[in-house]
Amino acid sequence: MSSLTISSDYGYVLVSAGVIGLTQLFIGGSVMKLRKKFFKCESYLKQQEVKDMAEKHMVAFQASYQHLCLSAFAFGCARLSWRGAIIGSAPQLHTMPNDLGYPDTGCGLYAKHLPYDQWVEFNNAQRAHYNMIEVSGPVLACMLTAGLRIPRVSAAIGMLFALGRYVYANGYKSKQGADGRMVGAVIGGLSTMALFFSAIATGVATVAGM
């Protein structure tokens, strides 16, 4: 019967997992910067279509926003953001769409009013982030699994994966757009497959009692 023992070298695997997580957060932060830059832009907010959306949003969500704010007040959160205002003697709360463009992920009602170059830039950054989200879960699972038997190798491949995703995201966000992601895609793809096969090999070796 085979048994697995976690060695002190497994710490390298945990460090690598943390680096992958931080890389994903960093890539997501670049999307947030573009949200602040584009959706808070004065030229965007001045568009009549955007103003019309704000009016529709106020009508659609005034009641639910009032309930939310009153509930928050009950818990001691009495300060309203710039989107809320108390009008007249009776509390009548009005809300505006989120000023960072949420919940739009790039192809919705808010983003379609961005200039074409900003729309492409925002969607490229968004796609670079989502692509990492799509693969980071399985990669982490396989790295943590393979690291039980080959901790240093698994940690090194995990670091290579993080580097590949960083290069991938920067290339995607460049002027080349999707064409600029290829170097990072190769690095990330090879490291991903290496971790997948390493996890399978670890499982087979464990079953075989090796």
C-alpha atoms as a PDB file:
ATOM      1  CA  MET A   1       0.000   0.000   0.000  1.00  0.00           C
ATOM      2  CA  SER A   2       1.411   3.356  -1.050  1.00  0.00           C
ATOM      3  CA  SER A   3       1.501   6.374   1.234  1.00  0.00           C
ATOM      4  CA  LEU A   4       2.311   9.982   0.529  1.00  0.00           C
ATOM      5  CA  THR A   5       4.529  12.031   2.772  1.00  0.00           C
ATOM      6  CA  ILE A   6       4.619  15.805   2.537  1.00  0.00           C
ATOM      7  CA  SER A   7       8.200  16.995   2.674  1.00  0.00           C
ATOM      8  CA  SER A   8       9.481  20.433   3.565  1.00  0.00           C
ATOM      9  CA  ASP A   9      10.061  21.005  -0.165  1.00  0.00           C
ATOM     10  CA  TYR A  10       6.289  21.181  -0.552  1.00  0.00           C
ATOM     11  CA  GLY A  11       6.640  24.736   0.710  1.00  0.00           C
ATOM     12  CA  TYR A  12       7.977  25.646  -2.730  1.00  0.00           C
ATOM     13  CA  VAL A  13       4.702  24.422  -4.220  1.00  0.00           C
ATOM     14  CA  LEU A  14       2.692  26.598  -1.855  1.00  0.00           C
ATOM     15  CA  VAL A  15       4.816  29.628  -2.704  1.00  0.00           C
ATOM     16  CA  SER A  16       4.263  28.965  -6.400  1.00  0.00           C
ATOM     17  CA  ALA A  17       0.510  28.702  -5.802  1.00  0.00           C
ATOM     18  CA  GLY A  18       0.585  32.103  -4.114  1.00  0.00           C
ATOM     19  CA  VAL A  19       2.500  33.626  -7.012  1.00  0.00           C
ATOM     20  CA  ILE A  20      -0.084  32.297  -9.461  1.00  0.00           C
ATOM     21  CA  GLY A  21      -2.857  33.832  -7.386  1.00  0.00           C
ATOM     22  CA  LEU A  22      -1.108  37.192  -7.200  1.00  0.00           C
ATOM     23  CA  THR A  23      -0.490  37.133 -10.957  1.00  0.00           C
ATOM     24  CA  GLN A  24      -4.199  36.622 -11.559  1.00  0.00           C
ATOM     25  CA  LEU A  25      -5.049  39.503  -9.228  1.00  0.00           C
ATOM     26  CA  PHE A  26      -2.515  41.745 -10.957  1.00  0.00           C
ATOM     27  CA  ILE A  27      -3.951  40.990 -14.385  1.00  0.00           C
ATOM     28  CA  GLY A  28      -7.455  41.679 -13.049  1.00  0.00           C
ATOM     29  CA  GLY A  29      -6.221  44.978 -11.619  1.00  0.00           C
ATOM     30  CA  SER A  30      -5.281  46.153 -15.098  1.00  0.00           C
ATOM     31  CA  VAL A  31      -8.896  45.654 -16.160  1.00  0.00           C
ATOM     32  CA  MET A  32     -10.039  47.751 -13.201  1.00  0.00           C
ATOM     33  CA  LYS A  33      -7.736  50.585 -14.298  1.00  0.00           C
ATOM     34  CA  LEU A  34      -9.390  50.618 -17.711  1.00  0.00           C
ATOM     35  CA  ARG A  35     -12.843  50.645 -16.124  1.00  0.00           C
ATOM     36  CA  LYS A  36     -11.899  53.751 -14.163  1.00  0.00           C
ATOM     37  CA  LYS A  37     -10.322  55.347 -17.212  1.00  0.00           C
ATOM     38  CA  PHE A  38     -13.118  54.690 -19.696  1.00  0.00           C
ATOM     39  CA  PHE A  39     -16.418  54.579 -17.783  1.00  0.00           C
ATOM     40  CA  LYS A  40     -15.635  57.601 -15.617  1.00  0.00           C
ATOM     41  CA  CYS A  41     -14.474  59.644 -18.596  1.00  0.00           C
ATOM     42  CA  GLU A  42     -16.355  62.920 -19.033  1.00  0.00           C
ATOM     43  CA  SER A  43     -16.772  62.382 -22.769  1.00  0.00           C
ATOM     44  CA  TYR A  44     -18.418  59.018 -22.077  1.00  0.00           C
ATOM     45  CA  LEU A  45     -20.779  60.351 -19.417  1.00  0.00           C
ATOM     46  CA  LYS A  46     -21.838  63.285 -21.619  1.00  0.00           C
ATOM     47  CA  GLN A  47     -23.228  61.036 -24.353  1.00  0.00           C
ATOM     48  CA  GLN A  48     -26.991  61.311 -24.631  1.00  0.00           C
ATOM     49  CA  GLU A  49     -27.325  57.527 -24.875  1.00  0.00           C
ATOM     50  CA  VAL A  50     -25.476  57.134 -21.572  1.00  0.00           C
ATOM     51  CA  LYS A  51     -27.677  59.768 -19.935  1.00  0.00           C
ATOM     52  CA  ASP A  52     -30.766  57.946 -21.208  1.00  0.00           C
ATOM     53  CA  MET A  53     -29.481  54.698 -19.709  1.00  0.00           C
ATOM     54  CA  ALA A  54     -28.981  56.436 -16.385  1.00  0.00           C
ATOM     55  CA  GLU A  55     -32.603  57.590 -16.428  1.00  0.00           C
ATOM     56  CA  LYS A  56     -33.827  54.070 -17.209  1.00  0.00           C
ATOM     57  CA  HIS A  57     -31.655  52.683 -14.435  1.00  0.00           C
ATOM     58  CA  MET A  58     -33.098  55.133 -11.916  1.00  0.00           C
ATOM     59  CA  VAL A  59     -36.651  54.180 -12.816  1.00  0.00           C
ATOM     60  CA  ALA A  60     -35.938  50.439 -12.782  1.00  0.00           C
ATOM     61  CA  PHE A  61     -33.995  50.234  -9.527  1.00  0.00           C
ATOM     62  CA  GLN A  62     -35.139  53.144  -7.366  1.00  0.00           C
ATOM     63  CA  ALA A  63     -37.254  50.939  -5.076  1.00  0.00           C
ATOM     64  CA  SER A  64     -34.647  48.224  -4.609  1.00  0.00           C
ATOM     65  CA  TYR A  65     -31.922  50.785  -4.011  1.00  0.00           C
ATOM     66  CA  GLN A  66     -34.047  52.472  -1.350  1.00  0.00           C
ATOM     67  CA  HIS A  67     -34.524  49.153   0.422  1.00  0.00           C
ATOM     68  CA  LEU A  68     -30.778  48.453   0.252  1.00  0.00           C
ATOM     69  CA  CYS A  69     -29.800  51.829   1.694  1.00  0.00           C
ATOM     70  CA  LEU A  70     -32.340  51.663   4.495  1.00  0.00           C
ATOM     71  CA  SER A  71     -31.107  48.181   5.405  1.00  0.00           C
ATOM     72  CA  ALA A  72     -27.536  49.445   5.446  1.00  0.00           C
ATOM     73  CA  PHE A  73     -28.581  52.308   7.683  1.00  0.00           C
ATOM     74  CA  ALA A  74     -30.027  49.799  10.152  1.00  0.00           C
ATOM     75  CA  PHE A  75     -26.547  48.303  10.459  1.00  0.00           C
ATOM     76  CA  GLY A  76     -24.960  51.678  11.013  1.00  0.00           C
ATOM     77  CA  CYS A  77     -24.010  52.450   7.405  1.00  0.00           C
ATOM     78  CA  ALA A  78     -25.761  55.787   7.121  1.00  0.00           C
ATOM     79  CA  ARG A  79     -23.397  57.438   4.639  1.00  0.00           C
ATOM     80  CA  LEU A  80     -24.685  57.397   1.077  1.00  0.00           C
ATOM     81  CA  SER A  81     -22.417  57.466  -1.963  1.00  0.00           C
ATOM     82  CA  TRP A  82     -22.584  60.220  -4.582  1.00  0.00           C
ATOM     83  CA  ARG A  83     -25.155  58.129  -6.405  1.00  0.00           C
ATOM     84  CA  GLY A  84     -27.695  58.514  -3.581  1.00  0.00           C
ATOM     85  CA  ALA A  85     -29.446  61.686  -2.483  1.00  0.00           C
ATOM     86  CA  ILE A  86     -32.252  62.544  -0.051  1.00  0.00           C
ATOM     87  CA  ILE A  87     -34.849  64.728  -1.709  1.00  0.00           C
ATOM     88  CA  GLY A  88     -37.531  66.730   0.120  1.00  0.00           C
ATOM     89  CA  SER A  89     -38.909  65.946   3.529  1.00  0.00           C
ATOM     90  CA  ALA A  90     -39.587  62.315   2.746  1.00  0.00           C
ATOM     91  CA  PRO A  91     -36.571  60.059   2.026  1.00  0.00           C
ATOM     92  CA  GLN A  92     -36.699  59.388  -1.703  1.00  0.00           C
ATOM     93  CA  LEU A  93     -33.517  57.693  -2.895  1.00  0.00           C
ATOM     94  CA  HIS A  94     -32.274  57.756  -6.494  1.00  0.00           C
ATOM     95  CA  THR A  95     -29.548  55.549  -7.914  1.00  0.00           C
ATOM     96  CA  MET A  96     -27.306  55.753 -10.971  1.00  0.00           C
ATOM     97  CA  PRO A  97     -25.565  52.975 -12.914  1.00  0.00           C
ATOM     98  CA  ASN A  98     -22.296  51.751 -11.467  1.00  0.00           C
ATOM     99  CA  ASP A  99     -19.581  54.247 -12.426  1.00  0.00           C
ATOM    100  CA  LEU A 100     -17.108  51.461 -13.298  1.00  0.00           C
ATOM    101  CA  GLY A 101     -19.374  49.949 -15.928  1.00  0.00           C
ATOM    102  CA  TYR A 102     -20.466  46.908 -13.927  1.00  0.00           C
ATOM    103  CA  PRO A 103     -22.020  44.465 -14.647  1.00  0.00           C
ATOM    104  CA  ASP A 104     -20.860  44.978 -18.238  1.00  0.00           C
ATOM    105  CA  THR A 105     -17.948  42.684 -19.111  1.00  0.00           C
ATOM    106  CA  GLY A 106     -17.182  44.334 -22.430  1.00  0.00           C
ATOM    107  CA  CYS A 107     -20.019  43.425 -24.786  1.00  0.00           C
ATOM    108  CA  GLY A 108     -23.032  44.832 -22.966  1.00  0.00           C
ATOM    109  CA  LEU A 109     -25.132  48.005 -22.997  1.00  0.00           C
ATOM    110  CA  TYR A 110     -22.552  50.183 -21.237  1.00  0.00           C
ATOM    111  CA  ALA A 111     -19.494  49.153 -23.251  1.00  0.00           C
ATOM    112  CA  LYS A 112     -21.163  49.587 -26.615  1.00  0.00           C
ATOM    113  CA  HIS A 113     -21.039  53.355 -26.124  1.00  0.00           C
ATOM    114  CA  LEU A 114     -17.240  53.347 -25.823  1.00  0.00           C
ATOM    115  CA  PRO A 115     -15.186  54.554 -28.814  1.00  0.00           C
ATOM    116  CA  TYR A 116     -14.010  51.640 -30.943  1.00  0.00           C
ATOM    117  CA  ASP A 117     -10.358  51.782 -29.839  1.00  0.00           C
ATOM    118  CA  GLN A 118     -11.356  51.839 -26.153  1.00  0.00           C
ATOM    119  CA  TRP A 119     -13.838  49.014 -26.693  1.00  0.00           C
ATOM    120  CA  VAL A 120     -11.127  46.816 -28.231  1.00  0.00           C
ATOM    121  CA  GLU A 121      -8.588  47.699 -25.534  1.00  0.00           C
ATOM    122  CA  PHE A 122     -11.060  46.957 -22.749  1.00  0.00           C
ATOM    123  CA  ASN A 123     -12.180  43.656 -24.246  1.00  0.00           C
ATOM    124  CA  ASN A 124      -8.609  42.513 -24.864  1.00  0.00           C
ATOM    125  CA  ALA A 125      -7.707  43.174 -21.218  1.00  0.00           C
ATOM    126  CA  GLN A 126     -10.900  41.495 -20.070  1.00  0.00           C
ATOM    127  CA  ARG A 127     -10.231  38.457 -22.235  1.00  0.00           C
ATOM    128  CA  ALA A 128      -6.636  38.142 -20.967  1.00  0.00           C
ATOM    129  CA  HIS A 129      -7.967  38.071 -17.404  1.00  0.00           C
ATOM    130  CA  TYR A 130     -10.756  35.603 -18.126  1.00  0.00           C
ATOM    131  CA  ASN A 131      -8.422  33.273 -19.965  1.00  0.00           C
ATOM    132  CA  MET A 132      -6.295  32.906 -16.849  1.00  0.00           C
ATOM    133  CA  ILE A 133      -9.367  32.396 -14.683  1.00  0.00           C
ATOM    134  CA  GLU A 134     -10.448  29.580 -17.001  1.00  0.00           C
ATOM    135  CA  VAL A 135      -7.234  27.593 -16.533  1.00  0.00           C
ATOM    136  CA  SER A 136      -5.837  28.618 -13.136  1.00  0.00           C
ATOM    137  CA  GLY A 137      -8.156  26.324 -11.160  1.00  0.00           C
ATOM    138  CA  PRO A 138      -7.147  23.070 -12.900  1.00  0.00           C
ATOM    139  CA  VAL A 139      -3.505  24.204 -13.000  1.00  0.00           C
ATOM    140  CA  LEU A 140      -3.422  24.825  -9.241  1.00  0.00           C
ATOM    141  CA  ALA A 141      -5.123  21.497  -8.534  1.00  0.00           C
ATOM    142  CA  CYS A 142      -2.636  19.592 -10.689  1.00  0.00           C
ATOM    143  CA  MET A 143       0.360  21.469  -9.296  1.00  0.00           C
ATOM    144  CA  LEU A 144      -0.665  20.806  -5.695  1.00  0.00           C
ATOM    145  CA  THR A 145      -1.235  17.151  -6.575  1.00  0.00           C
ATOM    146  CA  ALA A 146       1.995  16.592  -8.508  1.00  0.00           C
ATOM    147  CA  GLY A 147       3.867  18.523  -5.845  1.00  0.00           C
ATOM    148  CA  LEU A 148       3.243  15.722  -3.382  1.00  0.00           C
ATOM    149  CA  ARG A 149       5.846  13.631  -5.228  1.00  0.00           C
ATOM    150  CA  ILE A 150       7.905  16.111  -7.220  1.00  0.00           C
ATOM    151  CA  PRO A 151       7.545  19.372  -5.250  1.00  0.00           C
ATOM    152  CA  ARG A 152      10.461  21.344  -6.679  1.00  0.00           C
ATOM    153  CA  VAL A 153       9.700  20.419 -10.272  1.00  0.00           C
ATOM    154  CA  SER A 154       5.992  21.200  -9.834  1.00  0.00           C
ATOM    155  CA  ALA A 155       6.769  24.536  -8.169  1.00  0.00           C
ATOM    156  CA  ALA A 156       9.148  25.493 -10.973  1.00  0.00           C
ATOM    157  CA  ILE A 157       6.553  24.645 -13.632  1.00  0.00           C
ATOM    158  CA  GLY A 158       3.976  26.654 -11.677  1.00  0.00           C
ATOM    159  CA  MET A 159       6.273  29.674 -11.677  1.00  0.00           C
ATOM    160  CA  LEU A 160       6.738  29.211 -15.421  1.00  0.00           C
ATOM    161  CA  PHE A 161       2.956  29.162 -15.806  1.00  0.00           C
ATOM    162  CA  ALA A 162       2.645  32.445 -13.895  1.00  0.00           C
ATOM    163  CA  LEU A 163       5.316  34.009 -16.102  1.00  0.00           C
ATOM    164  CA  GLY A 164       3.556  32.769 -19.215  1.00  0.00           C
ATOM    165  CA  ARG A 165       0.237  34.249 -18.108  1.00  0.00           C
ATOM    166  CA  TYR A 166       1.885  37.582 -17.370  1.00  0.00           C
ATOM    167  CA  VAL A 167       3.515  37.668 -20.810  1.00  0.00           C
ATOM    168  CA  TYR A 168       0.230  36.510 -22.370  1.00  0.00           C
ATOM    169  CA  ALA A 169      -1.755  39.304 -20.720  1.00  0.00           C
ATOM    170  CA  ASN A 170       0.757  42.013 -21.611  1.00  0.00           C
ATOM    171  CA  GLY A 171       0.834  40.850 -25.215  1.00  0.00           C
ATOM    172  CA  TYR A 172      -2.950  40.726 -25.418  1.00  0.00           C
ATOM    173  CA  LYS A 173      -3.193  44.287 -24.051  1.00  0.00           C
ATOM    174  CA  SER A 174      -0.599  45.618 -26.484  1.00  0.00           C
ATOM    175  CA  LYS A 175      -1.358  47.289 -29.825  1.00  0.00           C
ATOM    176  CA  GLN A 176      -1.117  43.860 -31.438  1.00  0.00           C
ATOM    177  CA  GLY A 177      -4.130  42.663 -29.497  1.00  0.00           C
ATOM    178  CA  ALA A 178      -4.808  38.926 -29.784  1.00  0.00           C
ATOM    179  CA  ASP A 179      -1.817  38.510 -32.104  1.00  0.00           C
ATOM    180  CA  GLY A 180       0.493  39.685 -29.321  1.00  0.00           C
ATOM    181  CA  ARG A 181      -0.395  36.837 -26.974  1.00  0.00           C
ATOM    182  CA  MET A 182       1.397  34.027 -28.803  1.00  0.00           C
ATOM    183  CA  VAL A 183       4.664  33.942 -26.823  1.00  0.00           C
ATOM    184  CA  GLY A 184       2.791  33.886 -23.539  1.00  0.00           C
ATOM    185  CA  ALA A 185       0.339  31.320 -24.925  1.00  0.00           C
ATOM    186  CA  VAL A 186       3.192  28.935 -25.753  1.00  0.00           C
ATOM    187  CA  ILE A 187       4.833  29.325 -22.328  1.00  0.00           C
ATOM    188  CA  GLY A 188       1.535  29.020 -20.492  1.00  0.00           C
ATOM    189  CA  GLY A 189       0.275  26.171 -22.651  1.00  0.00           C
ATOM    190  CA  LEU A 190       3.376  24.016 -22.284  1.00  0.00           C
ATOM    191  CA  SER A 191       3.564  24.551 -18.523  1.00  0.00           C
ATOM    192  CA  THR A 192      -0.145  23.771 -18.194  1.00  0.00           C
ATOM    193  CA  MET A 193       0.197  20.488 -20.070  1.00  0.00           C
ATOM    194  CA  ALA A 194       3.308  19.601 -18.058  1.00  0.00           C
ATOM    195  CA  LEU A 195       1.388  20.001 -14.807  1.00  0.00           C
ATOM    196  CA  PHE A 196      -1.575  18.017 -16.127  1.00  0.00           C
ATOM    197  CA  PHE A 197       0.613  15.065 -17.100  1.00  0.00           C
ATOM    198  CA  SER A 198       2.612  15.343 -13.873  1.00  0.00           C
ATOM    199  CA  ALA A 199      -0.602  15.066 -11.853  1.00  0.00           C
ATOM    200  CA  ILE A 200      -1.672  12.020 -13.884  1.00  0.00           C
ATOM    201  CA  ALA A 201       1.731  10.412 -13.368  1.00  0.00           C
ATOM    202  CA  THR A 202       1.485  11.090  -9.634  1.00  0.00           C
ATOM    203  CA  GLY A 203      -1.921   9.432  -9.506  1.00  0.00           C
ATOM    204  CA  VAL A 204      -0.759   6.399 -11.467  1.00  0.00           C
ATOM    205  CA  ALA A 205       2.340   6.016  -9.309  1.00  0.00           C
ATOM    206  CA  THR A 206       0.245   6.232  -6.155  1.00  0.00           C
ATOM    207  CA  VAL A 207      -2.204   3.566  -7.369  1.00  0.00           C
ATOM    208  CA  ALA A 208       0.677   1.339  -8.448  1.00  0.00           C
ATOM    209  CA  GLY A 209       2.267   1.683  -5.023  1.00  0.00           C
ATOM    210  CA  MET A 210       5.443   3.184  -6.365  1.00  0.00           C
END
